[in-house]
Amino acid sequence: RRLIERFRKEGKTVMFSSHIMSEVQRLCDRVLILHKGVLRYNGRVEALYAQHRTNDLDQIMMNIVG
């Protein structure tokens, strides 16, 4: 986590794959959501929150992948 956070502060891009939404929320500025090989979302975390009217990534994932 510290290494990813340091790279983030330095403006470096890190690809991080996880199903643990609390980690994604803590470490990521942008997210890409794939479900069954189909791109369902690609963009900023804040825009995803606004689109779903919540900042609960677990709930958003359930909304997207059903």
C-alpha atoms as a PDB file:
ATOM      1  CA  ARG A   1       0.000   0.000   0.000  1.00  0.00           C
ATOM      2  CA  ARG A   2       2.734   2.457   0.904  1.00  0.00           C
ATOM      3  CA  LEU A   3       4.512   1.914  -2.393  1.00  0.00           C
ATOM      4  CA  ILE A   4       1.300   2.410  -4.386  1.00  0.00           C
ATOM      5  CA  GLU A   5       0.469   5.528  -2.361  1.00  0.00           C
ATOM      6  CA  ARG A   6       3.973   6.908  -2.938  1.00  0.00           C
ATOM      7  CA  PHE A   7       3.735   6.316  -6.687  1.00  0.00           C
ATOM      8  CA  ARG A   8       0.304   7.952  -6.689  1.00  0.00           C
ATOM      9  CA  LYS A   9       1.682  11.065  -4.965  1.00  0.00           C
ATOM     10  CA  GLU A  10       4.496  11.147  -7.536  1.00  0.00           C
ATOM     11  CA  GLY A  11       1.931  11.124 -10.348  1.00  0.00           C
ATOM     12  CA  LYS A  12       2.918   7.680 -11.599  1.00  0.00           C
ATOM     13  CA  THR A  13       0.427   5.244 -13.059  1.00  0.00           C
ATOM     14  CA  VAL A  14      -0.042   1.946 -11.269  1.00  0.00           C
ATOM     15  CA  MET A  15      -2.403  -0.749 -12.489  1.00  0.00           C
ATOM     16  CA  PHE A  16      -3.999  -2.346  -9.451  1.00  0.00           C
ATOM     17  CA  SER A  17      -6.444  -5.231  -9.661  1.00  0.00           C
ATOM     18  CA  SER A  18      -8.652  -6.095  -6.717  1.00  0.00           C
ATOM     19  CA  HIS A  19     -12.080  -7.261  -5.659  1.00  0.00           C
ATOM     20  CA  ILE A  20     -11.594  -5.580  -2.285  1.00  0.00           C
ATOM     21  CA  MET A  21     -13.456  -2.328  -2.761  1.00  0.00           C
ATOM     22  CA  SER A  22     -12.074  -0.682   0.391  1.00  0.00           C
ATOM     23  CA  GLU A  23      -8.580  -1.035  -1.110  1.00  0.00           C
ATOM     24  CA  VAL A  24      -9.746   0.340  -4.438  1.00  0.00           C
ATOM     25  CA  GLN A  25     -11.425   3.264  -2.679  1.00  0.00           C
ATOM     26  CA  ARG A  26      -8.285   4.006  -0.684  1.00  0.00           C
ATOM     27  CA  LEU A  27      -5.709   3.673  -3.462  1.00  0.00           C
ATOM     28  CA  CYS A  28      -7.328   4.535  -6.791  1.00  0.00           C
ATOM     29  CA  ASP A  29      -8.222   7.752  -8.598  1.00  0.00           C
ATOM     30  CA  ARG A  30      -9.629   5.951 -11.625  1.00  0.00           C
ATOM     31  CA  VAL A  31     -11.351   2.604 -11.963  1.00  0.00           C
ATOM     32  CA  LEU A  32     -12.057   0.195 -14.751  1.00  0.00           C
ATOM     33  CA  ILE A  33     -14.798  -2.344 -14.115  1.00  0.00           C
ATOM     34  CA  LEU A  34     -14.963  -5.501 -16.209  1.00  0.00           C
ATOM     35  CA  HIS A  35     -17.773  -8.012 -15.898  1.00  0.00           C
ATOM     36  CA  LYS A  36     -17.708 -11.239 -17.898  1.00  0.00           C
ATOM     37  CA  GLY A  37     -15.185  -9.694 -20.280  1.00  0.00           C
ATOM     38  CA  VAL A  38     -17.307  -6.598 -20.926  1.00  0.00           C
ATOM     39  CA  LEU A  39     -16.092  -3.142 -19.968  1.00  0.00           C
ATOM     40  CA  ARG A  40     -18.788  -1.724 -17.700  1.00  0.00           C
ATOM     41  CA  TYR A  41     -17.041   1.462 -16.452  1.00  0.00           C
ATOM     42  CA  ASN A  42     -13.830   3.353 -17.105  1.00  0.00           C
ATOM     43  CA  GLY A  43     -13.299   6.673 -15.405  1.00  0.00           C
ATOM     44  CA  ARG A  44     -12.724   8.678 -12.274  1.00  0.00           C
ATOM     45  CA  VAL A  45     -13.922   7.335  -8.958  1.00  0.00           C
ATOM     46  CA  GLU A  46     -15.729  10.610  -8.164  1.00  0.00           C
ATOM     47  CA  ALA A  47     -17.724  10.366 -11.400  1.00  0.00           C
ATOM     48  CA  LEU A  48     -18.699   6.804 -10.529  1.00  0.00           C
ATOM     49  CA  TYR A  49     -19.913   7.990  -7.114  1.00  0.00           C
ATOM     50  CA  ALA A  50     -21.941  10.786  -8.716  1.00  0.00           C
ATOM     51  CA  GLN A  51     -23.434   8.446 -11.321  1.00  0.00           C
ATOM     52  CA  HIS A  52     -24.644   6.056  -8.613  1.00  0.00           C
ATOM     53  CA  ARG A  53     -25.356   8.736  -5.973  1.00  0.00           C
ATOM     54  CA  THR A  54     -23.259   6.936  -3.352  1.00  0.00           C
ATOM     55  CA  ASN A  55     -19.615   6.484  -2.432  1.00  0.00           C
ATOM     56  CA  ASP A  56     -20.157   2.861  -1.385  1.00  0.00           C
ATOM     57  CA  LEU A  57     -18.106   0.940  -3.952  1.00  0.00           C
ATOM     58  CA  ASP A  58     -19.429  -2.405  -2.747  1.00  0.00           C
ATOM     59  CA  GLN A  59     -22.981  -1.251  -3.494  1.00  0.00           C
ATOM     60  CA  ILE A  60     -21.949   0.265  -6.815  1.00  0.00           C
ATOM     61  CA  MET A  61     -20.322  -3.014  -7.865  1.00  0.00           C
ATOM     62  CA  MET A  62     -23.487  -4.920  -6.987  1.00  0.00           C
ATOM     63  CA  ASN A  63     -25.509  -2.412  -9.043  1.00  0.00           C
ATOM     64  CA  ILE A  64     -23.199  -2.835 -12.034  1.00  0.00           C
ATOM     65  CA  VAL A  65     -22.662  -6.589 -12.041  1.00  0.00           C
ATOM     66  CA  GLY A  66     -26.022  -7.536 -10.539  1.00  0.00           C
END
